[in-house]
Structures are given as C-alpha cells and as structure tokens.
Amino acid sequence: MGVIISQIFSRFTYKTPVRILMVGLDAAGKTTLLYKLKLAEVVTTIPTIGFNVETVEYKNISFTVWDVGGQTIIRPLWRHYFVNTQGLIFVVDSNDPERMKEAADELHKMLEEDELRGVAVLVLANKQDLPRAMSVSDITEALSLSAVSQPWFVQASCAVSGAGLAEGLDWLSNQIQKQG
C-alpha cells in the first residue's frame, strides 16, 4: 500500500529533468540571468571563464542550465556543451546594436550543428530597461531569425528586474514538452 501511495505522490511532485544551454556574446547578461532564475536576486558577476551550471526549478520542469562564457576565445568550446541539449537560450544585449551581426553569426553557426537540430531556441533580448534597447522586432530582424527552421521565440527581458523571464521559460518549457 505504501508503494502505491508513493507512486501516486511522485507523479504530482516529480519534475521532468531538462538540459538547457545558455549562451550569447560576452557581457550580454547570461550569468546575471542564471542567478536571477536560481536565487531570485541579482548577484555581482565577473566575466565567466568556462561555465556555471545550476538547476532551476520552474513549474513542473527541473532545468539544468549551463551558462557558458561568451568571450571570443571561449566560443569554439560551446560545441562541447551541445550533446543532449533540449533547449537553447541565446542571450543578447538589446542595448548593443553594434554587436548584433556578431551575435547573429554565432547563433546561426551553432544552429548548423547536428546536436542542436530541432532544438527550441529562446532568444532573451536582455537589458530592456536601458534607454537604447532595441525592440523585439528589430532584434528578430538583426538576428535573421526568419531563416531559422526550428522553433524560436524572442522575449524582451531584464535580468535585473526579472521582467520577461517567466514568459520566456513558459514558451521554452511548452516547446520542450511538445518535443516529447
């Protein structure tokens, strides 16, 4: 009898484990976003050399989020994190239009990799609280997302306030559940 109750209880409390890769150019706000999701607070960060990994509980999903440094010298290592990735969060600095072409090139290069074929892509248009922040439609165009065949979504966000993070994770978790 105890086993049956335990099985029933686990159906309601079990969180599906999901592997998420979070990348983007340096200074886009990836680490700040990760710890806002994990701790619900803003932490002081330094440039990530290597990676940070945290488990973030969100609704019925347990996201293991790999935050990989975005410096030019580190980007060739991103591909080592692609295996078994079920969702991709690509973070852009909405306040830095001069680097959107570079961000687009890196994103499209990644999406050509076999390990990321069909993976849902959430673009977090971070730093929307800043005065020069590009709109979602401008970022969509700058990143040439119309050329991307897999599911994608651009969410305006702010790591400092947490604005847009729940909406972005809702979209990503729905896409991952559709993939089965």
N, C-alpha and C. Protein backbone atom coordinates (compact mmCIF):
# COMPACT_ATOMS: atom_id res chain seq x y z
N MET A 1 0.83 -1.19 0.00
CA MET A 1 0.00 0.00 0.00
C MET A 1 0.87 1.25 0.00
N GLY A 2 1.94 1.24 0.79
CA GLY A 2 2.85 2.39 0.86
C GLY A 2 3.49 2.68 -0.48
N VAL A 3 3.80 1.62 -1.24
CA VAL A 3 4.42 1.79 -2.56
C VAL A 3 3.45 2.49 -3.51
N ILE A 4 2.19 2.11 -3.47
CA ILE A 4 1.19 2.72 -4.35
C ILE A 4 1.03 4.20 -4.03
N ILE A 5 0.93 4.54 -2.77
CA ILE A 5 0.80 5.94 -2.37
C ILE A 5 2.05 6.72 -2.79
N SER A 6 3.20 6.10 -2.62
CA SER A 6 4.45 6.75 -3.01
C SER A 6 4.48 7.02 -4.51
N GLN A 7 4.02 6.05 -5.32
CA GLN A 7 3.99 6.23 -6.78
C GLN A 7 3.02 7.33 -7.18
N ILE A 8 1.87 7.36 -6.56
CA ILE A 8 0.88 8.40 -6.86
C ILE A 8 1.45 9.77 -6.49
N PHE A 9 2.04 9.85 -5.30
CA PHE A 9 2.61 11.12 -4.84
C PHE A 9 3.72 11.60 -5.78
N SER A 10 4.57 10.67 -6.24
CA SER A 10 5.69 11.07 -7.10
C SER A 10 5.21 11.60 -8.45
N ARG A 11 4.05 11.17 -8.91
CA ARG A 11 3.51 11.70 -10.17
C ARG A 11 3.20 13.18 -10.06
N PHE A 12 2.81 13.61 -8.87
CA PHE A 12 2.45 15.01 -8.67
C PHE A 12 3.64 15.87 -8.27
N THR A 13 4.71 15.26 -7.81
CA THR A 13 5.86 16.04 -7.36
C THR A 13 7.08 15.89 -8.26
N TYR A 14 7.09 14.92 -9.14
CA TYR A 14 8.24 14.68 -10.00
C TYR A 14 8.39 15.81 -11.01
N LYS A 15 9.58 16.31 -11.13
CA LYS A 15 9.86 17.35 -12.11
C LYS A 15 10.71 16.74 -13.22
N THR A 16 10.27 16.94 -14.44
CA THR A 16 10.99 16.42 -15.59
C THR A 16 12.35 17.11 -15.71
N PRO A 17 13.46 16.35 -15.73
CA PRO A 17 14.77 16.99 -15.89
C PRO A 17 15.01 17.37 -17.35
N VAL A 18 15.48 18.58 -17.56
CA VAL A 18 15.71 19.11 -18.91
C VAL A 18 17.08 19.78 -18.93
N ARG A 19 17.82 19.56 -20.01
CA ARG A 19 19.14 20.18 -20.16
C ARG A 19 19.02 21.40 -21.08
N ILE A 20 19.36 22.55 -20.55
CA ILE A 20 19.29 23.81 -21.27
C ILE A 20 20.69 24.39 -21.40
N LEU A 21 21.03 24.86 -22.59
CA LEU A 21 22.30 25.54 -22.80
C LEU A 21 22.01 27.02 -22.96
N MET A 22 22.70 27.84 -22.18
CA MET A 22 22.54 29.29 -22.28
C MET A 22 23.85 29.89 -22.75
N VAL A 23 23.80 30.52 -23.92
CA VAL A 23 24.99 31.14 -24.50
C VAL A 23 24.63 32.52 -25.03
N GLY A 24 25.64 33.22 -25.45
CA GLY A 24 25.49 34.55 -26.01
C GLY A 24 26.84 35.23 -25.94
N LEU A 25 26.95 36.38 -26.57
CA LEU A 25 28.21 37.10 -26.55
C LEU A 25 28.55 37.53 -25.12
N ASP A 26 29.82 37.84 -24.91
CA ASP A 26 30.25 38.32 -23.60
C ASP A 26 29.49 39.60 -23.23
N ALA A 27 29.21 39.74 -21.95
CA ALA A 27 28.54 40.92 -21.37
C ALA A 27 27.08 41.05 -21.77
N ALA A 28 26.46 39.96 -22.25
CA ALA A 28 25.04 40.01 -22.61
C ALA A 28 24.14 39.89 -21.38
N GLY A 29 24.69 39.34 -20.29
CA GLY A 29 23.92 39.20 -19.06
C GLY A 29 23.53 37.78 -18.71
N LYS A 30 24.21 36.79 -19.29
CA LYS A 30 23.85 35.38 -19.08
C LYS A 30 23.93 34.96 -17.61
N THR A 31 25.04 35.28 -16.97
CA THR A 31 25.22 34.85 -15.58
C THR A 31 24.24 35.57 -14.66
N THR A 32 24.01 36.84 -14.90
CA THR A 32 23.02 37.58 -14.11
C THR A 32 21.65 36.95 -14.27
N LEU A 33 21.29 36.58 -15.50
CA LEU A 33 20.01 35.91 -15.75
C LEU A 33 19.94 34.58 -15.02
N LEU A 34 20.99 33.78 -15.10
CA LEU A 34 21.00 32.47 -14.46
C LEU A 34 20.74 32.60 -12.96
N TYR A 35 21.43 33.50 -12.31
CA TYR A 35 21.27 33.62 -10.86
C TYR A 35 19.99 34.35 -10.47
N LYS A 36 19.44 35.15 -11.36
CA LYS A 36 18.11 35.72 -11.10
C LYS A 36 17.09 34.58 -11.11
N LEU A 37 17.23 33.65 -12.06
CA LEU A 37 16.34 32.49 -12.12
C LEU A 37 16.53 31.57 -10.91
N LYS A 38 17.77 31.32 -10.55
CA LYS A 38 18.09 30.37 -9.48
C LYS A 38 17.78 30.92 -8.10
N LEU A 39 18.21 32.16 -7.85
CA LEU A 39 18.13 32.71 -6.49
C LEU A 39 17.08 33.80 -6.33
N ALA A 40 16.49 34.23 -7.45
CA ALA A 40 15.51 35.32 -7.46
C ALA A 40 16.12 36.62 -6.92
N GLU A 41 17.41 36.77 -7.14
CA GLU A 41 18.07 38.02 -6.75
C GLU A 41 19.21 38.32 -7.72
N VAL A 42 19.63 39.58 -7.72
CA VAL A 42 20.72 40.00 -8.59
C VAL A 42 22.03 39.78 -7.84
N VAL A 43 22.98 39.14 -8.50
CA VAL A 43 24.29 38.93 -7.89
C VAL A 43 25.34 39.68 -8.70
N THR A 44 26.40 40.06 -8.04
CA THR A 44 27.52 40.70 -8.73
C THR A 44 28.28 39.63 -9.48
N THR A 45 28.54 39.86 -10.76
CA THR A 45 29.22 38.84 -11.56
C THR A 45 30.51 39.39 -12.14
N ILE A 46 31.36 38.47 -12.54
CA ILE A 46 32.55 38.80 -13.31
C ILE A 46 32.46 37.99 -14.60
N PRO A 47 33.23 38.34 -15.63
CA PRO A 47 33.15 37.55 -16.87
C PRO A 47 33.37 36.06 -16.60
N THR A 48 32.51 35.24 -17.20
CA THR A 48 32.58 33.80 -16.99
C THR A 48 33.69 33.21 -17.85
N ILE A 49 34.65 32.59 -17.20
CA ILE A 49 35.70 31.86 -17.89
C ILE A 49 35.35 30.39 -17.66
N GLY A 50 34.92 29.72 -18.70
CA GLY A 50 34.44 28.35 -18.53
C GLY A 50 32.93 28.35 -18.49
N PHE A 51 32.35 27.82 -17.39
CA PHE A 51 30.89 27.73 -17.33
C PHE A 51 30.40 27.76 -15.89
N ASN A 52 29.13 28.07 -15.75
CA ASN A 52 28.39 27.91 -14.50
C ASN A 52 27.28 26.93 -14.81
N VAL A 53 26.94 26.08 -13.88
CA VAL A 53 25.82 25.17 -14.08
C VAL A 53 24.96 25.18 -12.82
N GLU A 54 23.67 25.34 -13.03
CA GLU A 54 22.72 25.38 -11.91
C GLU A 54 21.45 24.65 -12.32
N THR A 55 20.76 24.12 -11.32
CA THR A 55 19.45 23.53 -11.55
C THR A 55 18.41 24.55 -11.12
N VAL A 56 17.51 24.85 -12.03
CA VAL A 56 16.46 25.83 -11.78
C VAL A 56 15.12 25.10 -11.84
N GLU A 57 14.37 25.15 -10.75
CA GLU A 57 13.05 24.53 -10.71
C GLU A 57 12.04 25.54 -11.22
N TYR A 58 11.28 25.15 -12.24
CA TYR A 58 10.27 26.06 -12.78
C TYR A 58 9.04 25.24 -13.16
N LYS A 59 7.94 25.51 -12.48
CA LYS A 59 6.70 24.77 -12.69
C LYS A 59 6.99 23.28 -12.57
N ASN A 60 6.70 22.49 -13.60
CA ASN A 60 6.91 21.04 -13.48
C ASN A 60 8.20 20.58 -14.15
N ILE A 61 9.13 21.51 -14.35
CA ILE A 61 10.37 21.15 -15.02
C ILE A 61 11.56 21.53 -14.16
N SER A 62 12.55 20.66 -14.14
CA SER A 62 13.82 20.93 -13.48
C SER A 62 14.85 21.20 -14.57
N PHE A 63 15.14 22.47 -14.80
CA PHE A 63 16.09 22.86 -15.84
C PHE A 63 17.51 22.79 -15.30
N THR A 64 18.37 22.04 -15.96
CA THR A 64 19.80 22.14 -15.68
C THR A 64 20.33 23.11 -16.71
N VAL A 65 20.73 24.29 -16.24
CA VAL A 65 21.13 25.37 -17.14
C VAL A 65 22.65 25.49 -17.13
N TRP A 66 23.23 25.35 -18.31
CA TRP A 66 24.67 25.52 -18.50
C TRP A 66 24.89 26.91 -19.06
N ASP A 67 25.50 27.78 -18.27
CA ASP A 67 25.83 29.15 -18.67
C ASP A 67 27.29 29.12 -19.07
N VAL A 68 27.55 29.28 -20.37
CA VAL A 68 28.90 29.16 -20.90
C VAL A 68 29.41 30.55 -21.28
N GLY A 69 30.64 30.85 -20.90
CA GLY A 69 31.24 32.15 -21.19
C GLY A 69 31.14 32.52 -22.65
N GLY A 70 31.06 33.83 -22.92
CA GLY A 70 30.84 34.31 -24.28
C GLY A 70 32.01 35.03 -24.93
N GLN A 71 33.16 35.06 -24.26
CA GLN A 71 34.30 35.73 -24.87
C GLN A 71 34.70 35.01 -26.16
N THR A 72 35.24 35.77 -27.10
CA THR A 72 35.61 35.24 -28.42
C THR A 72 36.46 33.98 -28.30
N ILE A 73 37.41 33.97 -27.40
CA ILE A 73 38.32 32.83 -27.27
C ILE A 73 37.62 31.57 -26.75
N ILE A 74 36.51 31.75 -26.03
CA ILE A 74 35.78 30.61 -25.44
C ILE A 74 34.74 30.04 -26.40
N ARG A 75 34.23 30.83 -27.32
CA ARG A 75 33.12 30.39 -28.18
C ARG A 75 33.35 29.08 -28.92
N PRO A 76 34.57 28.79 -29.41
CA PRO A 76 34.76 27.48 -30.06
C PRO A 76 34.47 26.29 -29.13
N LEU A 77 34.50 26.52 -27.82
CA LEU A 77 34.23 25.45 -26.86
C LEU A 77 32.74 25.20 -26.67
N TRP A 78 31.89 26.14 -27.12
CA TRP A 78 30.45 25.97 -26.95
C TRP A 78 29.98 24.61 -27.45
N ARG A 79 30.54 24.15 -28.58
CA ARG A 79 30.05 22.92 -29.19
C ARG A 79 30.19 21.70 -28.29
N HIS A 80 31.10 21.77 -27.31
CA HIS A 80 31.27 20.66 -26.37
C HIS A 80 30.09 20.52 -25.42
N TYR A 81 29.22 21.52 -25.38
CA TYR A 81 28.06 21.50 -24.49
C TYR A 81 26.76 21.16 -25.24
N PHE A 82 26.84 20.94 -26.55
CA PHE A 82 25.64 20.73 -27.36
C PHE A 82 24.96 19.38 -27.13
N VAL A 83 25.73 18.34 -26.82
CA VAL A 83 25.19 16.99 -26.70
C VAL A 83 24.08 16.94 -25.64
N ASN A 84 22.96 16.34 -26.02
CA ASN A 84 21.79 16.16 -25.15
C ASN A 84 21.10 17.46 -24.74
N THR A 85 21.41 18.55 -25.41
CA THR A 85 20.73 19.82 -25.13
C THR A 85 19.31 19.74 -25.66
N GLN A 86 18.35 20.09 -24.82
CA GLN A 86 16.94 20.03 -25.21
C GLN A 86 16.35 21.41 -25.48
N GLY A 87 17.05 22.44 -25.05
CA GLY A 87 16.60 23.80 -25.28
C GLY A 87 17.78 24.73 -25.25
N LEU A 88 17.72 25.78 -26.07
CA LEU A 88 18.81 26.74 -26.16
C LEU A 88 18.28 28.12 -25.77
N ILE A 89 18.96 28.76 -24.83
CA ILE A 89 18.66 30.15 -24.51
C ILE A 89 19.83 30.96 -25.04
N PHE A 90 19.55 31.83 -25.99
CA PHE A 90 20.57 32.69 -26.57
C PHE A 90 20.29 34.10 -26.07
N VAL A 91 21.23 34.64 -25.31
CA VAL A 91 21.04 35.94 -24.68
C VAL A 91 21.75 37.02 -25.50
N VAL A 92 21.01 38.09 -25.80
CA VAL A 92 21.61 39.23 -26.49
C VAL A 92 21.45 40.48 -25.64
N ASP A 93 22.41 41.37 -25.77
CA ASP A 93 22.37 42.67 -25.13
C ASP A 93 21.59 43.59 -26.06
N SER A 94 20.35 43.88 -25.71
CA SER A 94 19.48 44.71 -26.55
C SER A 94 20.00 46.13 -26.69
N ASN A 95 20.89 46.51 -25.82
CA ASN A 95 21.42 47.87 -25.80
C ASN A 95 22.72 47.99 -26.61
N ASP A 96 23.08 46.94 -27.33
CA ASP A 96 24.35 46.92 -28.08
C ASP A 96 24.12 46.54 -29.54
N PRO A 97 23.48 47.44 -30.31
CA PRO A 97 23.17 47.12 -31.71
C PRO A 97 24.41 46.87 -32.57
N GLU A 98 25.54 47.43 -32.16
CA GLU A 98 26.78 47.25 -32.93
C GLU A 98 27.24 45.80 -32.96
N ARG A 99 26.80 44.98 -32.00
CA ARG A 99 27.26 43.59 -31.94
C ARG A 99 26.21 42.58 -32.39
N MET A 100 25.08 43.06 -32.90
CA MET A 100 24.01 42.13 -33.33
C MET A 100 24.45 41.25 -34.49
N LYS A 101 25.22 41.77 -35.42
CA LYS A 101 25.69 40.95 -36.54
C LYS A 101 26.58 39.82 -36.01
N GLU A 102 27.47 40.15 -35.09
CA GLU A 102 28.33 39.14 -34.47
C GLU A 102 27.49 38.09 -33.75
N ALA A 103 26.47 38.54 -33.02
CA ALA A 103 25.57 37.62 -32.32
C ALA A 103 24.84 36.72 -33.32
N ALA A 104 24.35 37.32 -34.40
CA ALA A 104 23.64 36.55 -35.43
C ALA A 104 24.55 35.49 -36.04
N ASP A 105 25.78 35.86 -36.35
CA ASP A 105 26.73 34.91 -36.93
C ASP A 105 26.97 33.73 -35.99
N GLU A 106 27.16 34.01 -34.71
CA GLU A 106 27.40 32.94 -33.73
C GLU A 106 26.17 32.04 -33.59
N LEU A 107 25.00 32.64 -33.53
CA LEU A 107 23.77 31.86 -33.39
C LEU A 107 23.57 30.93 -34.59
N HIS A 108 23.69 31.47 -35.79
CA HIS A 108 23.47 30.65 -36.99
C HIS A 108 24.53 29.56 -37.14
N LYS A 109 25.76 29.86 -36.74
CA LYS A 109 26.83 28.85 -36.78
C LYS A 109 26.46 27.68 -35.85
N MET A 110 25.97 28.00 -34.65
CA MET A 110 25.57 26.96 -33.70
C MET A 110 24.42 26.12 -34.23
N LEU A 111 23.43 26.79 -34.83
CA LEU A 111 22.23 26.08 -35.27
C LEU A 111 22.48 25.16 -36.46
N GLU A 112 23.65 25.27 -37.07
CA GLU A 112 24.03 24.34 -38.15
C GLU A 112 24.54 23.01 -37.61
N GLU A 113 24.82 22.95 -36.32
CA GLU A 113 25.35 21.73 -35.70
C GLU A 113 24.26 20.67 -35.56
N ASP A 114 24.62 19.42 -35.87
CA ASP A 114 23.66 18.32 -35.80
C ASP A 114 23.03 18.17 -34.42
N GLU A 115 23.83 18.36 -33.36
CA GLU A 115 23.32 18.15 -32.00
C GLU A 115 22.22 19.14 -31.61
N LEU A 116 22.15 20.26 -32.31
CA LEU A 116 21.14 21.28 -31.99
C LEU A 116 19.99 21.31 -33.00
N ARG A 117 20.00 20.37 -33.93
CA ARG A 117 18.93 20.32 -34.93
C ARG A 117 17.58 20.10 -34.25
N GLY A 118 16.65 20.97 -34.51
CA GLY A 118 15.30 20.84 -33.97
C GLY A 118 15.12 21.36 -32.56
N VAL A 119 16.20 21.77 -31.90
CA VAL A 119 16.12 22.27 -30.53
C VAL A 119 15.44 23.64 -30.52
N ALA A 120 14.52 23.83 -29.58
CA ALA A 120 13.83 25.12 -29.45
C ALA A 120 14.82 26.19 -29.00
N VAL A 121 14.70 27.38 -29.61
CA VAL A 121 15.61 28.48 -29.33
C VAL A 121 14.83 29.64 -28.71
N LEU A 122 15.16 29.95 -27.48
CA LEU A 122 14.61 31.13 -26.81
C LEU A 122 15.68 32.21 -26.85
N VAL A 123 15.38 33.31 -27.52
CA VAL A 123 16.28 34.46 -27.52
C VAL A 123 15.79 35.41 -26.43
N LEU A 124 16.62 35.64 -25.44
CA LEU A 124 16.28 36.62 -24.41
C LEU A 124 16.93 37.95 -24.80
N ALA A 125 16.08 38.90 -25.16
CA ALA A 125 16.53 40.25 -25.53
C ALA A 125 16.71 41.01 -24.23
N ASN A 126 17.88 40.85 -23.63
CA ASN A 126 18.15 41.35 -22.29
C ASN A 126 18.44 42.85 -22.29
N LYS A 127 18.40 43.42 -21.11
CA LYS A 127 18.71 44.84 -20.85
C LYS A 127 17.68 45.78 -21.46
N GLN A 128 16.43 45.34 -21.46
CA GLN A 128 15.35 46.16 -21.99
C GLN A 128 15.08 47.40 -21.13
N ASP A 129 15.67 47.44 -19.95
CA ASP A 129 15.49 48.60 -19.07
C ASP A 129 16.37 49.79 -19.47
N LEU A 130 17.28 49.57 -20.41
CA LEU A 130 18.19 50.64 -20.81
C LEU A 130 17.61 51.46 -21.97
N PRO A 131 17.97 52.74 -22.03
CA PRO A 131 17.30 53.65 -22.97
C PRO A 131 17.48 53.33 -24.45
N ARG A 132 18.60 52.75 -24.85
CA ARG A 132 18.83 52.47 -26.27
C ARG A 132 18.43 51.05 -26.66
N ALA A 133 17.71 50.36 -25.82
CA ALA A 133 17.37 48.95 -26.08
C ALA A 133 16.59 48.80 -27.38
N MET A 134 17.04 47.85 -28.19
CA MET A 134 16.35 47.54 -29.44
C MET A 134 15.04 46.81 -29.14
N SER A 135 14.07 46.98 -30.02
CA SER A 135 12.79 46.30 -29.87
C SER A 135 12.93 44.83 -30.26
N VAL A 136 11.97 44.03 -29.86
CA VAL A 136 11.95 42.61 -30.22
C VAL A 136 11.95 42.45 -31.74
N SER A 137 11.17 43.24 -32.44
CA SER A 137 11.11 43.11 -33.90
C SER A 137 12.44 43.47 -34.54
N ASP A 138 13.12 44.50 -34.03
CA ASP A 138 14.44 44.86 -34.57
C ASP A 138 15.47 43.76 -34.30
N ILE A 139 15.40 43.15 -33.13
CA ILE A 139 16.32 42.06 -32.80
C ILE A 139 16.04 40.84 -33.66
N THR A 140 14.76 40.54 -33.86
CA THR A 140 14.37 39.41 -34.72
C THR A 140 14.96 39.59 -36.11
N GLU A 141 14.86 40.79 -36.63
CA GLU A 141 15.40 41.08 -37.96
C GLU A 141 16.92 41.04 -37.96
N ALA A 142 17.56 41.66 -36.96
CA ALA A 142 19.02 41.71 -36.89
C ALA A 142 19.63 40.32 -36.77
N LEU A 143 18.93 39.41 -36.11
CA LEU A 143 19.43 38.03 -35.95
C LEU A 143 19.02 37.12 -37.11
N SER A 144 18.29 37.66 -38.08
CA SER A 144 17.83 36.88 -39.25
C SER A 144 17.09 35.61 -38.81
N LEU A 145 16.20 35.75 -37.85
CA LEU A 145 15.51 34.57 -37.33
C LEU A 145 14.50 33.99 -38.30
N SER A 146 14.07 34.76 -39.28
CA SER A 146 13.14 34.21 -40.28
C SER A 146 13.79 33.07 -41.07
N ALA A 147 15.13 33.01 -41.07
CA ALA A 147 15.85 31.95 -41.77
C ALA A 147 16.02 30.69 -40.91
N VAL A 148 15.60 30.75 -39.66
CA VAL A 148 15.77 29.62 -38.73
C VAL A 148 14.56 28.69 -38.86
N SER A 149 14.84 27.39 -39.09
CA SER A 149 13.74 26.44 -39.33
C SER A 149 13.17 25.85 -38.04
N GLN A 150 13.93 25.82 -36.98
CA GLN A 150 13.42 25.23 -35.75
C GLN A 150 12.60 26.25 -34.97
N PRO A 151 11.85 25.79 -33.97
CA PRO A 151 11.03 26.73 -33.20
C PRO A 151 11.90 27.77 -32.50
N TRP A 152 11.50 29.03 -32.58
CA TRP A 152 12.23 30.10 -31.91
C TRP A 152 11.25 31.15 -31.40
N PHE A 153 11.71 31.89 -30.41
CA PHE A 153 10.89 32.94 -29.83
C PHE A 153 11.82 33.98 -29.23
N VAL A 154 11.50 35.26 -29.44
CA VAL A 154 12.27 36.34 -28.84
C VAL A 154 11.45 36.95 -27.72
N GLN A 155 12.03 37.00 -26.54
CA GLN A 155 11.35 37.56 -25.37
C GLN A 155 12.14 38.75 -24.84
N ALA A 156 11.50 39.90 -24.78
CA ALA A 156 12.10 41.06 -24.14
C ALA A 156 12.31 40.73 -22.67
N SER A 157 13.49 41.06 -22.13
CA SER A 157 13.77 40.70 -20.74
C SER A 157 14.70 41.70 -20.08
N CYS A 158 14.74 41.59 -18.77
CA CYS A 158 15.65 42.39 -17.96
C CYS A 158 16.11 41.52 -16.80
N ALA A 159 17.38 41.16 -16.79
CA ALA A 159 17.90 40.28 -15.74
C ALA A 159 17.82 40.93 -14.37
N VAL A 160 17.97 42.23 -14.31
CA VAL A 160 17.98 42.93 -13.03
C VAL A 160 16.60 42.87 -12.35
N SER A 161 15.55 43.14 -13.12
CA SER A 161 14.20 43.13 -12.54
C SER A 161 13.51 41.77 -12.65
N GLY A 162 14.00 40.93 -13.56
CA GLY A 162 13.36 39.64 -13.81
C GLY A 162 12.25 39.71 -14.84
N ALA A 163 12.00 40.89 -15.39
CA ALA A 163 10.93 41.05 -16.38
C ALA A 163 11.17 40.16 -17.60
N GLY A 164 10.12 39.47 -18.02
CA GLY A 164 10.17 38.64 -19.22
C GLY A 164 10.69 37.23 -19.01
N LEU A 165 11.30 36.94 -17.88
CA LEU A 165 11.90 35.62 -17.68
C LEU A 165 10.85 34.52 -17.59
N ALA A 166 9.78 34.76 -16.85
CA ALA A 166 8.72 33.75 -16.73
C ALA A 166 8.09 33.47 -18.08
N GLU A 167 7.81 34.52 -18.85
CA GLU A 167 7.20 34.34 -20.17
C GLU A 167 8.12 33.53 -21.09
N GLY A 168 9.41 33.83 -21.05
CA GLY A 168 10.37 33.09 -21.87
C GLY A 168 10.45 31.63 -21.48
N LEU A 169 10.54 31.36 -20.17
CA LEU A 169 10.60 29.97 -19.71
C LEU A 169 9.31 29.22 -19.98
N ASP A 170 8.17 29.91 -19.91
CA ASP A 170 6.90 29.27 -20.26
C ASP A 170 6.94 28.78 -21.70
N TRP A 171 7.38 29.66 -22.61
CA TRP A 171 7.45 29.28 -24.02
C TRP A 171 8.41 28.10 -24.21
N LEU A 172 9.60 28.19 -23.60
CA LEU A 172 10.60 27.14 -23.77
C LEU A 172 10.12 25.82 -23.20
N SER A 173 9.52 25.84 -22.01
CA SER A 173 9.05 24.58 -21.42
C SER A 173 7.92 23.97 -22.25
N ASN A 174 7.05 24.80 -22.82
CA ASN A 174 5.99 24.28 -23.70
C ASN A 174 6.58 23.63 -24.94
N GLN A 175 7.60 24.24 -25.52
CA GLN A 175 8.24 23.67 -26.71
C GLN A 175 8.92 22.34 -26.39
N ILE A 176 9.59 22.27 -25.26
CA ILE A 176 10.28 21.04 -24.87
C ILE A 176 9.27 19.92 -24.61
N GLN A 177 8.15 20.25 -23.98
CA GLN A 177 7.12 19.24 -23.74
C GLN A 177 6.52 18.75 -25.05
N LYS A 178 6.39 19.62 -26.05
CA LYS A 178 5.89 19.21 -27.37
C LYS A 178 6.84 18.23 -28.04
N GLN A 179 8.15 18.42 -27.81
CA GLN A 179 9.15 17.53 -28.41
C GLN A 179 9.07 16.13 -27.83
N GLY A 180 8.46 16.04 -26.65
CA GLY A 180 8.21 14.73 -26.08
C GLY A 180 9.25 14.27 -25.17
